[in-house]
Amino acid sequence: MARFVDGAGNGSLTEGKLSLYNVNCKERLTVTYRNSLGEYCDEALQALNWIFRCHQTNQTTEMDLRVVEYLNRLDNTLGGDNEIHIISGYRSPEYNAELRRRSKGVAKDSLHMKGMAIDLVIPRFGLDRIRKSALTLAAGGVGYYPQSGFVHIDSGHFRTWG
């Protein structure tokens, strides 16, 4: 069983809990994927992989736990228990290539294809507030797409754009 260890190395964790809505598949999921001891629930992780699936192909991947934890920390920074709207999670290589043909803003080696990126909206908050909160965490990449209506987070190295 995988286990989460916080940066301080102490066992004082809150549960890893997310409330998600996939806007393309019109599906909701509220799940506790990690207990307060840092132990992950395999069934919950499978449910997360499904809700983050490529909406064009229904293909799934094992989402990087670092981006899931980043999303959880972002939610908690904004008060917790927010319904997070997923614009894009995992993208199949075929779908990513299709998006690249339509837009110059899609990376050839997108972290979405590795299960390491999430494009999201949290309806209770403006995009600028979500972006600023993500930047404060400095846990990975943060892209800002106000014209398209979402914020991108990923578990790559810290960088920002948009």
N, C-alpha and C. Protein backbone atom coordinates (compact mmCIF):
# COMPACT_ATOMS: atom_id res chain seq x y z
N MET A 1 0.85 -1.19 0.00
CA MET A 1 0.00 0.00 0.00
C MET A 1 0.89 1.24 0.00
N ALA A 2 0.59 2.17 -0.89
CA ALA A 2 1.33 3.43 -0.95
C ALA A 2 0.99 4.26 0.27
N ARG A 3 1.94 5.07 0.66
CA ARG A 3 1.74 5.91 1.84
C ARG A 3 2.29 7.30 1.59
N PHE A 4 1.53 8.29 1.99
CA PHE A 4 1.92 9.69 1.84
C PHE A 4 2.71 10.12 3.07
N VAL A 5 3.80 10.83 2.86
CA VAL A 5 4.56 11.40 3.97
C VAL A 5 4.61 12.90 3.73
N ASP A 6 4.15 13.66 4.72
CA ASP A 6 4.18 15.11 4.54
C ASP A 6 5.61 15.63 4.68
N GLY A 7 5.83 16.85 4.25
CA GLY A 7 7.17 17.42 4.22
C GLY A 7 7.83 17.50 5.59
N ALA A 8 7.07 17.63 6.64
CA ALA A 8 7.64 17.75 7.98
C ALA A 8 7.97 16.38 8.57
N GLY A 9 7.47 15.32 7.94
CA GLY A 9 7.75 13.98 8.44
C GLY A 9 6.93 13.60 9.66
N ASN A 10 5.98 14.44 10.04
CA ASN A 10 5.15 14.07 11.19
C ASN A 10 3.85 13.44 10.69
N GLY A 11 3.19 12.74 11.51
CA GLY A 11 2.00 12.00 11.09
C GLY A 11 0.72 12.80 11.14
N SER A 12 0.79 14.11 11.34
CA SER A 12 -0.43 14.90 11.50
C SER A 12 -0.97 15.34 10.15
N LEU A 13 -1.77 14.49 9.57
CA LEU A 13 -2.37 14.77 8.26
C LEU A 13 -3.88 14.87 8.39
N THR A 14 -4.47 15.63 7.52
CA THR A 14 -5.91 15.56 7.36
C THR A 14 -6.18 14.53 6.27
N GLU A 15 -7.39 14.06 6.19
CA GLU A 15 -7.73 13.12 5.11
C GLU A 15 -7.58 13.79 3.76
N GLY A 16 -7.22 12.99 2.77
CA GLY A 16 -7.20 13.48 1.39
C GLY A 16 -8.58 13.27 0.81
N LYS A 17 -9.29 14.36 0.60
CA LYS A 17 -10.68 14.28 0.16
C LYS A 17 -10.91 15.28 -0.96
N LEU A 18 -11.61 14.85 -2.01
CA LEU A 18 -11.91 15.74 -3.13
C LEU A 18 -13.36 15.56 -3.56
N SER A 19 -13.93 16.66 -4.00
CA SER A 19 -15.26 16.66 -4.61
C SER A 19 -15.08 17.20 -6.03
N LEU A 20 -15.35 16.36 -7.03
CA LEU A 20 -15.04 16.67 -8.41
C LEU A 20 -16.27 16.58 -9.31
N TYR A 21 -16.26 17.39 -10.35
CA TYR A 21 -17.27 17.33 -11.39
C TYR A 21 -16.55 17.41 -12.73
N ASN A 22 -16.65 16.37 -13.53
CA ASN A 22 -16.06 16.36 -14.87
C ASN A 22 -17.07 17.01 -15.81
N VAL A 23 -16.75 18.21 -16.29
CA VAL A 23 -17.70 18.98 -17.09
C VAL A 23 -17.97 18.35 -18.46
N ASN A 24 -17.04 17.56 -18.98
CA ASN A 24 -17.23 16.94 -20.28
C ASN A 24 -18.05 15.66 -20.20
N CYS A 25 -17.85 14.90 -19.14
CA CYS A 25 -18.57 13.63 -18.96
C CYS A 25 -19.83 13.79 -18.13
N LYS A 26 -19.99 14.97 -17.51
CA LYS A 26 -21.14 15.28 -16.65
C LYS A 26 -21.26 14.27 -15.50
N GLU A 27 -20.11 13.97 -14.88
CA GLU A 27 -20.07 13.03 -13.76
C GLU A 27 -19.48 13.69 -12.54
N ARG A 28 -19.99 13.28 -11.36
CA ARG A 28 -19.51 13.80 -10.09
C ARG A 28 -18.88 12.67 -9.27
N LEU A 29 -17.92 13.06 -8.45
CA LEU A 29 -17.29 12.11 -7.54
C LEU A 29 -16.86 12.86 -6.29
N THR A 30 -17.26 12.35 -5.14
CA THR A 30 -16.73 12.82 -3.87
C THR A 30 -16.06 11.62 -3.24
N VAL A 31 -14.78 11.77 -2.91
CA VAL A 31 -14.01 10.60 -2.49
C VAL A 31 -12.96 10.98 -1.46
N THR A 32 -12.75 10.09 -0.51
CA THR A 32 -11.62 10.18 0.40
C THR A 32 -10.60 9.17 -0.11
N TYR A 33 -9.53 9.67 -0.67
CA TYR A 33 -8.54 8.80 -1.32
C TYR A 33 -7.35 8.47 -0.42
N ARG A 34 -7.22 9.22 0.71
CA ARG A 34 -6.12 9.00 1.65
C ARG A 34 -6.64 9.25 3.06
N ASN A 35 -6.31 8.33 3.98
CA ASN A 35 -6.75 8.52 5.36
C ASN A 35 -5.75 9.41 6.11
N SER A 36 -6.06 9.73 7.35
CA SER A 36 -5.23 10.65 8.14
C SER A 36 -3.89 10.03 8.55
N LEU A 37 -3.72 8.74 8.30
CA LEU A 37 -2.43 8.09 8.55
C LEU A 37 -1.53 8.14 7.32
N GLY A 38 -2.07 8.68 6.20
CA GLY A 38 -1.29 8.78 4.98
C GLY A 38 -1.43 7.57 4.06
N GLU A 39 -2.36 6.66 4.37
CA GLU A 39 -2.55 5.45 3.57
C GLU A 39 -3.58 5.71 2.48
N TYR A 40 -3.21 5.35 1.26
CA TYR A 40 -4.09 5.55 0.11
C TYR A 40 -5.06 4.39 -0.04
N CYS A 41 -6.25 4.69 -0.52
CA CYS A 41 -7.27 3.69 -0.80
C CYS A 41 -7.24 3.38 -2.30
N ASP A 42 -6.92 2.15 -2.65
CA ASP A 42 -6.80 1.76 -4.06
C ASP A 42 -8.10 1.96 -4.83
N GLU A 43 -9.24 1.64 -4.23
CA GLU A 43 -10.52 1.82 -4.92
C GLU A 43 -10.79 3.30 -5.20
N ALA A 44 -10.46 4.14 -4.26
CA ALA A 44 -10.66 5.59 -4.44
C ALA A 44 -9.74 6.12 -5.53
N LEU A 45 -8.50 5.63 -5.57
CA LEU A 45 -7.57 6.07 -6.62
C LEU A 45 -8.06 5.63 -7.99
N GLN A 46 -8.64 4.44 -8.08
CA GLN A 46 -9.22 3.99 -9.35
C GLN A 46 -10.38 4.89 -9.77
N ALA A 47 -11.19 5.29 -8.80
CA ALA A 47 -12.31 6.20 -9.10
C ALA A 47 -11.78 7.55 -9.58
N LEU A 48 -10.69 8.02 -8.98
CA LEU A 48 -10.08 9.28 -9.44
C LEU A 48 -9.55 9.13 -10.86
N ASN A 49 -8.89 8.01 -11.15
CA ASN A 49 -8.38 7.77 -12.50
C ASN A 49 -9.53 7.83 -13.51
N TRP A 50 -10.68 7.28 -13.15
CA TRP A 50 -11.83 7.27 -14.06
C TRP A 50 -12.39 8.68 -14.27
N ILE A 51 -12.56 9.45 -13.21
CA ILE A 51 -13.13 10.79 -13.37
C ILE A 51 -12.18 11.72 -14.12
N PHE A 52 -10.87 11.45 -14.04
CA PHE A 52 -9.88 12.25 -14.76
C PHE A 52 -9.59 11.72 -16.16
N ARG A 53 -10.35 10.74 -16.62
CA ARG A 53 -10.08 10.08 -17.91
C ARG A 53 -10.17 11.05 -19.09
N CYS A 54 -9.60 10.61 -20.21
CA CYS A 54 -9.71 11.37 -21.46
C CYS A 54 -11.16 11.29 -21.91
N HIS A 55 -11.82 12.41 -21.99
CA HIS A 55 -13.25 12.39 -22.33
C HIS A 55 -13.50 12.07 -23.80
N GLN A 56 -12.48 12.15 -24.63
CA GLN A 56 -12.64 11.83 -26.06
C GLN A 56 -12.55 10.33 -26.33
N THR A 57 -11.72 9.62 -25.55
CA THR A 57 -11.46 8.20 -25.82
C THR A 57 -11.89 7.28 -24.69
N ASN A 58 -12.24 7.84 -23.53
CA ASN A 58 -12.53 7.08 -22.31
C ASN A 58 -11.32 6.30 -21.80
N GLN A 59 -10.13 6.58 -22.32
CA GLN A 59 -8.92 5.94 -21.80
C GLN A 59 -8.57 6.56 -20.45
N THR A 60 -8.03 5.72 -19.58
CA THR A 60 -7.57 6.20 -18.28
C THR A 60 -6.07 5.98 -18.17
N THR A 61 -5.50 6.60 -17.18
CA THR A 61 -4.12 6.36 -16.79
C THR A 61 -4.06 6.45 -15.29
N GLU A 62 -2.96 6.04 -14.72
CA GLU A 62 -2.77 6.21 -13.29
C GLU A 62 -2.32 7.65 -13.06
N MET A 63 -3.19 8.44 -12.47
CA MET A 63 -2.87 9.84 -12.22
C MET A 63 -1.73 9.92 -11.21
N ASP A 64 -0.82 10.85 -11.45
CA ASP A 64 0.31 11.08 -10.57
C ASP A 64 -0.22 11.56 -9.21
N LEU A 65 0.16 10.87 -8.16
CA LEU A 65 -0.33 11.25 -6.84
C LEU A 65 0.11 12.66 -6.44
N ARG A 66 1.21 13.13 -7.00
CA ARG A 66 1.66 14.49 -6.67
C ARG A 66 0.67 15.54 -7.18
N VAL A 67 0.06 15.33 -8.36
CA VAL A 67 -0.92 16.31 -8.86
C VAL A 67 -2.24 16.18 -8.09
N VAL A 68 -2.58 14.97 -7.67
CA VAL A 68 -3.78 14.78 -6.85
C VAL A 68 -3.60 15.49 -5.50
N GLU A 69 -2.42 15.32 -4.89
CA GLU A 69 -2.15 15.99 -3.61
C GLU A 69 -2.09 17.50 -3.79
N TYR A 70 -1.55 17.97 -4.91
CA TYR A 70 -1.51 19.40 -5.21
C TYR A 70 -2.95 19.94 -5.29
N LEU A 71 -3.82 19.22 -5.97
CA LEU A 71 -5.22 19.63 -6.09
C LEU A 71 -5.88 19.67 -4.72
N ASN A 72 -5.60 18.68 -3.89
CA ASN A 72 -6.16 18.64 -2.54
C ASN A 72 -5.66 19.83 -1.71
N ARG A 73 -4.37 20.14 -1.81
CA ARG A 73 -3.82 21.28 -1.08
C ARG A 73 -4.43 22.58 -1.59
N LEU A 74 -4.63 22.69 -2.89
CA LEU A 74 -5.25 23.89 -3.46
C LEU A 74 -6.67 24.04 -2.92
N ASP A 75 -7.43 22.95 -2.92
CA ASP A 75 -8.79 22.98 -2.38
C ASP A 75 -8.77 23.43 -0.92
N ASN A 76 -7.89 22.85 -0.13
CA ASN A 76 -7.82 23.20 1.30
C ASN A 76 -7.41 24.64 1.50
N THR A 77 -6.53 25.17 0.65
CA THR A 77 -6.12 26.57 0.74
C THR A 77 -7.32 27.49 0.52
N LEU A 78 -8.27 27.03 -0.28
CA LEU A 78 -9.48 27.81 -0.57
C LEU A 78 -10.64 27.43 0.36
N GLY A 79 -10.34 26.82 1.48
CA GLY A 79 -11.36 26.53 2.49
C GLY A 79 -11.80 25.08 2.54
N GLY A 80 -11.50 24.29 1.52
CA GLY A 80 -11.87 22.88 1.51
C GLY A 80 -13.32 22.65 1.14
N ASP A 81 -13.63 21.42 0.80
CA ASP A 81 -14.99 20.99 0.45
C ASP A 81 -15.58 21.76 -0.73
N ASN A 82 -14.73 22.22 -1.63
CA ASN A 82 -15.22 22.89 -2.84
C ASN A 82 -15.46 21.85 -3.92
N GLU A 83 -16.47 22.06 -4.74
CA GLU A 83 -16.64 21.20 -5.91
C GLU A 83 -15.72 21.74 -7.01
N ILE A 84 -14.75 20.93 -7.38
CA ILE A 84 -13.76 21.31 -8.39
C ILE A 84 -14.23 20.79 -9.73
N HIS A 85 -14.33 21.68 -10.70
CA HIS A 85 -14.76 21.30 -12.04
C HIS A 85 -13.54 20.99 -12.89
N ILE A 86 -13.50 19.78 -13.40
CA ILE A 86 -12.39 19.32 -14.23
C ILE A 86 -12.70 19.64 -15.69
N ILE A 87 -11.84 20.44 -16.29
CA ILE A 87 -11.95 20.74 -17.71
C ILE A 87 -11.17 19.68 -18.49
N SER A 88 -10.00 19.33 -17.99
CA SER A 88 -9.17 18.31 -18.62
C SER A 88 -8.25 17.69 -17.58
N GLY A 89 -8.20 16.37 -17.58
CA GLY A 89 -7.26 15.64 -16.73
C GLY A 89 -6.31 14.90 -17.66
N TYR A 90 -6.45 13.58 -17.68
CA TYR A 90 -5.64 12.79 -18.60
C TYR A 90 -6.09 13.06 -20.04
N ARG A 91 -5.12 13.12 -20.95
CA ARG A 91 -5.42 13.20 -22.39
C ARG A 91 -4.68 12.08 -23.09
N SER A 92 -5.39 11.34 -23.91
CA SER A 92 -4.73 10.33 -24.73
C SER A 92 -3.81 11.04 -25.73
N PRO A 93 -2.75 10.37 -26.19
CA PRO A 93 -1.88 10.99 -27.20
C PRO A 93 -2.65 11.42 -28.45
N GLU A 94 -3.65 10.64 -28.84
CA GLU A 94 -4.45 10.97 -30.03
C GLU A 94 -5.23 12.27 -29.82
N TYR A 95 -5.85 12.39 -28.65
CA TYR A 95 -6.62 13.59 -28.38
C TYR A 95 -5.71 14.80 -28.23
N ASN A 96 -4.55 14.62 -27.59
CA ASN A 96 -3.61 15.73 -27.45
C ASN A 96 -3.15 16.21 -28.83
N ALA A 97 -2.88 15.27 -29.74
CA ALA A 97 -2.47 15.64 -31.10
C ALA A 97 -3.59 16.40 -31.81
N GLU A 98 -4.83 15.98 -31.60
CA GLU A 98 -5.97 16.68 -32.20
C GLU A 98 -6.06 18.11 -31.66
N LEU A 99 -5.88 18.28 -30.36
CA LEU A 99 -5.91 19.63 -29.77
C LEU A 99 -4.77 20.48 -30.30
N ARG A 100 -3.59 19.88 -30.52
CA ARG A 100 -2.44 20.62 -31.06
C ARG A 100 -2.72 21.13 -32.47
N ARG A 101 -3.46 20.35 -33.23
CA ARG A 101 -3.80 20.77 -34.60
C ARG A 101 -4.73 21.99 -34.58
N ARG A 102 -5.53 22.10 -33.51
CA ARG A 102 -6.50 23.20 -33.40
C ARG A 102 -5.96 24.42 -32.67
N SER A 103 -4.91 24.24 -31.86
CA SER A 103 -4.44 25.34 -31.01
C SER A 103 -2.93 25.29 -30.85
N LYS A 104 -2.31 26.46 -30.88
CA LYS A 104 -0.87 26.54 -30.67
C LYS A 104 -0.50 26.43 -29.20
N GLY A 105 -1.46 26.53 -28.31
CA GLY A 105 -1.18 26.52 -26.88
C GLY A 105 -1.10 25.15 -26.25
N VAL A 106 -1.12 24.08 -27.04
CA VAL A 106 -1.09 22.72 -26.50
C VAL A 106 0.30 22.13 -26.72
N ALA A 107 0.94 21.70 -25.64
CA ALA A 107 2.30 21.17 -25.71
C ALA A 107 2.33 19.80 -26.38
N LYS A 108 3.35 19.57 -27.19
CA LYS A 108 3.53 18.28 -27.87
C LYS A 108 3.69 17.16 -26.85
N ASP A 109 4.49 17.41 -25.82
CA ASP A 109 4.72 16.42 -24.76
C ASP A 109 3.98 16.82 -23.49
N SER A 110 2.71 17.16 -23.64
CA SER A 110 1.90 17.64 -22.53
C SER A 110 1.92 16.69 -21.34
N LEU A 111 2.02 17.28 -20.14
CA LEU A 111 1.95 16.49 -18.92
C LEU A 111 0.58 15.86 -18.73
N HIS A 112 -0.43 16.35 -19.44
CA HIS A 112 -1.75 15.71 -19.41
C HIS A 112 -1.65 14.25 -19.88
N MET A 113 -0.77 13.98 -20.84
CA MET A 113 -0.63 12.62 -21.39
C MET A 113 0.07 11.68 -20.41
N LYS A 114 0.65 12.23 -19.35
CA LYS A 114 1.33 11.43 -18.33
C LYS A 114 0.54 11.37 -17.03
N GLY A 115 -0.68 11.92 -17.04
CA GLY A 115 -1.49 11.94 -15.83
C GLY A 115 -0.94 12.88 -14.77
N MET A 116 -0.22 13.91 -15.21
CA MET A 116 0.44 14.83 -14.29
C MET A 116 -0.13 16.24 -14.33
N ALA A 117 -1.28 16.45 -15.00
CA ALA A 117 -1.82 17.80 -15.16
C ALA A 117 -3.34 17.80 -15.09
N ILE A 118 -3.86 18.90 -14.59
CA ILE A 118 -5.31 19.08 -14.48
C ILE A 118 -5.65 20.53 -14.83
N ASP A 119 -6.62 20.71 -15.71
CA ASP A 119 -7.19 22.03 -15.99
C ASP A 119 -8.49 22.10 -15.21
N LEU A 120 -8.70 23.18 -14.47
CA LEU A 120 -9.82 23.20 -13.53
C LEU A 120 -10.41 24.58 -13.35
N VAL A 121 -11.59 24.57 -12.77
CA VAL A 121 -12.33 25.75 -12.32
C VAL A 121 -12.94 25.38 -10.98
N ILE A 122 -13.00 26.32 -10.09
CA ILE A 122 -13.76 26.15 -8.85
C ILE A 122 -14.79 27.27 -8.85
N PRO A 123 -16.05 26.94 -9.18
CA PRO A 123 -17.05 27.99 -9.43
C PRO A 123 -17.20 29.04 -8.34
N ARG A 124 -16.92 28.70 -7.10
CA ARG A 124 -17.07 29.67 -6.00
C ARG A 124 -16.01 30.76 -6.02
N PHE A 125 -14.95 30.55 -6.82
CA PHE A 125 -13.82 31.48 -6.81
C PHE A 125 -13.47 31.93 -8.22
N GLY A 126 -12.98 33.14 -8.32
CA GLY A 126 -12.50 33.64 -9.60
C GLY A 126 -11.20 32.94 -9.98
N LEU A 127 -10.93 32.94 -11.28
CA LEU A 127 -9.72 32.28 -11.77
C LEU A 127 -8.46 32.90 -11.18
N ASP A 128 -8.46 34.22 -11.01
CA ASP A 128 -7.27 34.88 -10.48
C ASP A 128 -6.97 34.41 -9.05
N ARG A 129 -8.00 34.25 -8.26
CA ARG A 129 -7.80 33.77 -6.88
C ARG A 129 -7.29 32.33 -6.88
N ILE A 130 -7.82 31.48 -7.75
CA ILE A 130 -7.34 30.09 -7.85
C ILE A 130 -5.87 30.09 -8.26
N ARG A 131 -5.54 30.89 -9.27
CA ARG A 131 -4.15 30.98 -9.74
C ARG A 131 -3.22 31.44 -8.62
N LYS A 132 -3.60 32.50 -7.92
CA LYS A 132 -2.75 33.02 -6.83
C LYS A 132 -2.56 31.98 -5.73
N SER A 133 -3.62 31.25 -5.40
CA SER A 133 -3.51 30.21 -4.38
C SER A 133 -2.57 29.10 -4.84
N ALA A 134 -2.68 28.70 -6.10
CA ALA A 134 -1.80 27.67 -6.65
C ALA A 134 -0.35 28.15 -6.65
N LEU A 135 -0.13 29.40 -7.01
CA LEU A 135 1.23 29.96 -7.01
C LEU A 135 1.83 29.97 -5.60
N THR A 136 1.01 30.29 -4.61
CA THR A 136 1.47 30.31 -3.22
C THR A 136 1.97 28.93 -2.80
N LEU A 137 1.32 27.88 -3.27
CA LEU A 137 1.73 26.52 -2.91
C LEU A 137 3.05 26.13 -3.57
N ALA A 138 3.31 26.68 -4.77
CA ALA A 138 4.56 26.40 -5.51
C ALA A 138 4.86 24.91 -5.59
N ALA A 139 3.83 24.11 -5.84
CA ALA A 139 3.98 22.65 -5.85
C ALA A 139 4.18 22.08 -7.26
N GLY A 140 4.15 22.92 -8.27
CA GLY A 140 4.29 22.47 -9.65
C GLY A 140 3.94 23.61 -10.58
N GLY A 141 3.69 23.27 -11.84
CA GLY A 141 3.36 24.28 -12.82
C GLY A 141 1.99 24.88 -12.60
N VAL A 142 1.87 26.17 -12.96
CA VAL A 142 0.59 26.88 -12.87
C VAL A 142 0.42 27.68 -14.15
N GLY A 143 -0.59 27.31 -14.92
CA GLY A 143 -0.93 28.04 -16.13
C GLY A 143 -2.23 28.78 -15.93
N TYR A 144 -2.31 29.97 -16.50
CA TYR A 144 -3.48 30.84 -16.33
C TYR A 144 -4.09 31.10 -17.69
N TYR A 145 -5.34 30.66 -17.87
CA TYR A 145 -6.03 30.77 -19.15
C TYR A 145 -7.37 31.48 -18.97
N PRO A 146 -7.35 32.78 -18.67
CA PRO A 146 -8.62 33.48 -18.42
C PRO A 146 -9.54 33.52 -19.63
N GLN A 147 -8.98 33.59 -20.84
CA GLN A 147 -9.83 33.61 -22.05
C GLN A 147 -10.56 32.29 -22.24
N SER A 148 -9.90 31.19 -21.88
CA SER A 148 -10.50 29.86 -22.00
C SER A 148 -11.28 29.47 -20.75
N GLY A 149 -11.05 30.18 -19.66
CA GLY A 149 -11.84 29.97 -18.44
C GLY A 149 -11.36 28.88 -17.52
N PHE A 150 -10.03 28.69 -17.40
CA PHE A 150 -9.54 27.68 -16.46
C PHE A 150 -8.13 28.00 -16.00
N VAL A 151 -7.73 27.30 -14.93
CA VAL A 151 -6.37 27.32 -14.41
C VAL A 151 -5.81 25.92 -14.59
N HIS A 152 -4.55 25.84 -14.98
CA HIS A 152 -3.85 24.56 -15.16
C HIS A 152 -2.90 24.38 -13.98
N ILE A 153 -2.91 23.18 -13.39
CA ILE A 153 -1.88 22.83 -12.42
C ILE A 153 -1.25 21.52 -12.87
N ASP A 154 0.03 21.34 -12.55
CA ASP A 154 0.68 20.07 -12.87
C ASP A 154 1.75 19.77 -11.85
N SER A 155 2.21 18.53 -11.87
CA SER A 155 3.20 18.07 -10.90
C SER A 155 4.62 18.10 -11.47
N GLY A 156 4.82 18.88 -12.52
CA GLY A 156 6.18 19.12 -13.01
C GLY A 156 6.89 20.11 -12.10
N HIS A 157 8.04 20.60 -12.54
CA HIS A 157 8.76 21.57 -11.73
C HIS A 157 7.98 22.90 -11.69
N PHE A 158 8.26 23.69 -10.66
CA PHE A 158 7.54 24.94 -10.50
C PHE A 158 7.87 25.90 -11.62
N ARG A 159 6.84 26.39 -12.28
CA ARG A 159 6.95 27.41 -13.31
C ARG A 159 5.56 27.98 -13.50
N THR A 160 5.47 29.12 -14.16
CA THR A 160 4.18 29.77 -14.36
C THR A 160 4.13 30.40 -15.74
N TRP A 161 2.93 30.50 -16.28
CA TRP A 161 2.72 31.13 -17.58
C TRP A 161 1.27 31.59 -17.68
N GLY A 162 1.04 32.41 -18.65
CA GLY A 162 -0.31 32.90 -18.92
C GLY A 162 -0.65 34.18 -18.20
